[in-house]
């Protein structure tokens, strides 16, 4: 038994996100891996 996960993004919305981040002076802070080497799901929006 296999499980398949698909994520779709409307690429037309990406410029709107970038414009909003820029206009609000925001950045996305994220962590690829935890200190133990496992993958991380941590992220947050921060002021630049």
Protein backbone atom coordinates (compact mmCIF):
# COMPACT_ATOMS: atom_id res chain seq x y z
CA UNK A 1 0.00 0.00 0.00
CA UNK A 2 1.46 3.34 -1.00
CA UNK A 3 0.47 6.85 -0.05
CA UNK A 4 0.83 9.66 -2.52
CA UNK A 5 0.80 13.31 -1.48
CA UNK A 6 0.43 16.05 -4.04
CA UNK A 7 0.79 19.76 -3.39
CA UNK A 8 -0.43 22.21 -5.96
CA UNK A 9 0.14 25.94 -5.99
CA UNK A 10 -1.47 28.46 -8.26
CA UNK A 11 1.66 30.06 -9.70
CA UNK A 12 -0.30 33.20 -10.58
CA UNK A 13 -0.64 33.88 -6.84
CA UNK A 14 3.11 33.80 -6.11
CA UNK A 15 3.83 37.37 -7.32
CA UNK A 16 0.99 38.61 -5.11
CA UNK A 17 2.63 36.93 -2.09
CA UNK A 18 6.02 38.43 -2.95
CA UNK A 19 4.49 41.90 -3.37
CA UNK A 20 2.71 41.58 -0.03
CA UNK A 21 5.89 40.43 1.74
CA UNK A 22 7.81 43.35 0.24
CA UNK A 23 5.16 45.97 1.00
CA UNK A 24 4.85 44.76 4.60
CA UNK A 25 8.65 44.39 5.02
CA UNK A 26 8.29 40.70 5.94
CA UNK A 27 10.58 37.71 5.58
CA UNK A 28 9.97 33.99 5.97
CA UNK A 29 12.18 32.44 8.63
CA UNK A 30 12.39 28.65 8.39
CA UNK A 31 14.46 25.75 9.69
CA UNK A 32 15.43 22.90 7.35
CA UNK A 33 16.60 20.47 10.03
CA UNK A 34 16.40 20.20 13.79
CA UNK A 35 19.59 19.91 15.85
CA UNK A 36 19.19 16.11 15.85
CA UNK A 37 19.28 16.10 12.04
CA UNK A 38 15.60 15.32 11.48
CA UNK A 39 13.53 17.45 9.15
CA UNK A 40 11.85 20.47 10.68
CA UNK A 41 8.45 22.01 10.09
CA UNK A 42 9.31 25.27 11.88
CA UNK A 43 8.62 28.55 10.10
CA UNK A 44 7.37 32.04 10.95
CA UNK A 45 6.98 35.46 9.38
CA UNK A 46 9.31 38.12 10.79
CA UNK A 47 9.83 41.83 10.23
CA UNK A 48 12.91 42.75 8.27
